[in-house]
Amino acid sequence: MKTVKFHPAAEAEMLEAATYYELQQTDLGRRFLASTQDAVNRITLNPNLYPTIELDVRRCLLRTFPFSVLFRELPGRIVVMAVMHLHRDPDYWKNR
């Protein structure tokens, strides 16, 4: 199985979203992190299942939250480029 590495900005935005959700409702932040982990698990099982959105970057939608995990598959690893809210500017992450 491939290892997963988060770009520092992707990890920061994931934690920021979890904090926001936790402030909205107790345990919602934990559920967001669990949903993100579920997406990462699905990606590691079959990264080619997800559509390419830009060159070699693919997108996996979270099941419960309006977010997607943008990732690159590299030899031996998966690099998560963004944990992106679906209503945000879709190009903000491209300089990573």
C-alpha atoms as a PDB file:
ATOM      1  CA  MET A   1       0.000   0.000   0.000  1.00  0.00           C
ATOM      2  CA  LYS A   2       1.251   3.487  -0.818  1.00  0.00           C
ATOM      3  CA  THR A   3       2.083   5.980   1.903  1.00  0.00           C
ATOM      4  CA  VAL A   4       0.112   9.220   2.092  1.00  0.00           C
ATOM      5  CA  LYS A   5       1.725  12.598   2.636  1.00  0.00           C
ATOM      6  CA  PHE A   6      -0.216  15.841   3.062  1.00  0.00           C
ATOM      7  CA  HIS A   7       1.074  19.082   1.605  1.00  0.00           C
ATOM      8  CA  PRO A   8       1.446  21.399   4.650  1.00  0.00           C
ATOM      9  CA  ALA A   9      -1.230  23.764   3.305  1.00  0.00           C
ATOM     10  CA  ALA A  10      -3.621  20.835   2.728  1.00  0.00           C
ATOM     11  CA  GLU A  11      -3.133  19.628   6.300  1.00  0.00           C
ATOM     12  CA  ALA A  12      -3.686  23.158   7.618  1.00  0.00           C
ATOM     13  CA  GLU A  13      -6.927  23.632   5.684  1.00  0.00           C
ATOM     14  CA  MET A  14      -8.201  20.225   6.815  1.00  0.00           C
ATOM     15  CA  LEU A  15      -7.557  21.100  10.473  1.00  0.00           C
ATOM     16  CA  GLU A  16      -9.058  24.570  10.006  1.00  0.00           C
ATOM     17  CA  ALA A  17     -12.242  23.044   8.576  1.00  0.00           C
ATOM     18  CA  ALA A  18     -12.401  20.503  11.423  1.00  0.00           C
ATOM     19  CA  THR A  19     -12.083  23.313  13.964  1.00  0.00           C
ATOM     20  CA  TYR A  20     -14.836  25.284  12.235  1.00  0.00           C
ATOM     21  CA  TYR A  21     -17.183  22.279  12.213  1.00  0.00           C
ATOM     22  CA  GLU A  22     -16.419  21.484  15.854  1.00  0.00           C
ATOM     23  CA  LEU A  23     -17.405  25.038  16.822  1.00  0.00           C
ATOM     24  CA  GLN A  24     -20.699  24.568  14.993  1.00  0.00           C
ATOM     25  CA  GLN A  25     -21.635  21.329  16.732  1.00  0.00           C
ATOM     26  CA  THR A  26     -19.931  19.012  19.208  1.00  0.00           C
ATOM     27  CA  ASP A  27     -18.300  16.029  17.459  1.00  0.00           C
ATOM     28  CA  LEU A  28     -18.882  17.444  13.956  1.00  0.00           C
ATOM     29  CA  GLY A  29     -15.175  18.239  13.587  1.00  0.00           C
ATOM     30  CA  ARG A  30     -14.285  14.667  14.478  1.00  0.00           C
ATOM     31  CA  ARG A  31     -16.817  13.422  11.920  1.00  0.00           C
ATOM     32  CA  PHE A  32     -15.251  15.679   9.286  1.00  0.00           C
ATOM     33  CA  LEU A  33     -11.792  14.230  10.017  1.00  0.00           C
ATOM     34  CA  ALA A  34     -13.218  10.697   9.875  1.00  0.00           C
ATOM     35  CA  SER A  35     -14.825  11.464   6.510  1.00  0.00           C
ATOM     36  CA  THR A  36     -11.521  12.833   5.235  1.00  0.00           C
ATOM     37  CA  GLN A  37      -9.710   9.700   6.443  1.00  0.00           C
ATOM     38  CA  ASP A  38     -12.314   7.556   4.684  1.00  0.00           C
ATOM     39  CA  ALA A  39     -11.578   9.417   1.421  1.00  0.00           C
ATOM     40  CA  VAL A  40      -7.829   8.929   1.894  1.00  0.00           C
ATOM     41  CA  ASN A  41      -8.399   5.207   2.538  1.00  0.00           C
ATOM     42  CA  ARG A  42     -10.448   4.930  -0.666  1.00  0.00           C
ATOM     43  CA  ILE A  43      -7.720   6.766  -2.587  1.00  0.00           C
ATOM     44  CA  THR A  44      -4.982   4.406  -1.384  1.00  0.00           C
ATOM     45  CA  LEU A  45      -7.030   1.369  -2.406  1.00  0.00           C
ATOM     46  CA  ASN A  46      -7.553   2.540  -5.987  1.00  0.00           C
ATOM     47  CA  PRO A  47      -6.216   6.006  -6.887  1.00  0.00           C
ATOM     48  CA  ASN A  48      -7.039   5.579 -10.586  1.00  0.00           C
ATOM     49  CA  LEU A  49     -10.734   5.337  -9.763  1.00  0.00           C
ATOM     50  CA  TYR A  50     -10.945   9.129  -9.350  1.00  0.00           C
ATOM     51  CA  PRO A  51     -11.174  11.637 -12.197  1.00  0.00           C
ATOM     52  CA  THR A  52      -8.235  13.744 -13.242  1.00  0.00           C
ATOM     53  CA  ILE A  53      -9.012  17.435 -12.895  1.00  0.00           C
ATOM     54  CA  GLU A  54      -5.674  19.026 -13.799  1.00  0.00           C
ATOM     55  CA  LEU A  55      -2.664  17.314 -15.420  1.00  0.00           C
ATOM     56  CA  ASP A  56      -1.861  14.575 -12.864  1.00  0.00           C
ATOM     57  CA  VAL A  57      -4.121  15.794 -10.023  1.00  0.00           C
ATOM     58  CA  ARG A  58      -7.199  13.723  -9.182  1.00  0.00           C
ATOM     59  CA  ARG A  59     -10.248  14.490  -7.039  1.00  0.00           C
ATOM     60  CA  CYS A  60     -12.035  12.341  -4.487  1.00  0.00           C
ATOM     61  CA  LEU A  61     -15.265  13.712  -3.006  1.00  0.00           C
ATOM     62  CA  LEU A  62     -15.986  13.342   0.689  1.00  0.00           C
ATOM     63  CA  ARG A  63     -19.231  11.483   1.278  1.00  0.00           C
ATOM     64  CA  THR A  64     -20.842  13.684   3.935  1.00  0.00           C
ATOM     65  CA  PHE A  65     -19.242  17.119   3.660  1.00  0.00           C
ATOM     66  CA  PRO A  66     -18.942  19.560   0.732  1.00  0.00           C
ATOM     67  CA  PHE A  67     -15.204  18.933   0.372  1.00  0.00           C
ATOM     68  CA  SER A  68     -12.904  17.032  -1.920  1.00  0.00           C
ATOM     69  CA  VAL A  69      -9.409  15.641  -1.546  1.00  0.00           C
ATOM     70  CA  LEU A  70      -7.123  16.653  -4.408  1.00  0.00           C
ATOM     71  CA  PHE A  71      -4.135  14.351  -4.775  1.00  0.00           C
ATOM     72  CA  ARG A  72      -1.260  13.246  -6.951  1.00  0.00           C
ATOM     73  CA  GLU A  73      -0.137   9.658  -7.299  1.00  0.00           C
ATOM     74  CA  LEU A  74       3.655   9.414  -7.313  1.00  0.00           C
ATOM     75  CA  PRO A  75       5.842   6.308  -7.275  1.00  0.00           C
ATOM     76  CA  GLY A  76       5.267   4.665  -3.891  1.00  0.00           C
ATOM     77  CA  ARG A  77       3.161   7.451  -2.412  1.00  0.00           C
ATOM     78  CA  ILE A  78       0.090   9.641  -2.621  1.00  0.00           C
ATOM     79  CA  VAL A  79       0.491  13.378  -2.060  1.00  0.00           C
ATOM     80  CA  VAL A  80      -2.630  15.231  -0.905  1.00  0.00           C
ATOM     81  CA  MET A  81      -2.466  18.682  -2.473  1.00  0.00           C
ATOM     82  CA  ALA A  82      -5.649  20.146  -0.987  1.00  0.00           C
ATOM     83  CA  VAL A  83      -8.673  19.400   1.168  1.00  0.00           C
ATOM     84  CA  MET A  84     -10.885  21.784  -0.738  1.00  0.00           C
ATOM     85  CA  HIS A  85     -14.318  23.172   0.045  1.00  0.00           C
ATOM     86  CA  LEU A  86     -16.406  22.715  -3.091  1.00  0.00           C
ATOM     87  CA  HIS A  87     -17.680  26.314  -3.046  1.00  0.00           C
ATOM     88  CA  ARG A  88     -14.199  27.816  -2.971  1.00  0.00           C
ATOM     89  CA  ASP A  89     -12.258  29.130  -5.966  1.00  0.00           C
ATOM     90  CA  PRO A  90     -11.343  25.873  -7.721  1.00  0.00           C
ATOM     91  CA  ASP A  91      -7.890  27.098  -8.757  1.00  0.00           C
ATOM     92  CA  TYR A  92      -6.563  28.381  -5.406  1.00  0.00           C
ATOM     93  CA  TRP A  93      -4.377  25.320  -4.772  1.00  0.00           C
ATOM     94  CA  LYS A  94      -2.511  25.270  -8.099  1.00  0.00           C
ATOM     95  CA  ASN A  95       0.619  26.989  -6.827  1.00  0.00           C
ATOM     96  CA  ARG A  96       1.373  24.086  -4.448  1.00  0.00           C
END
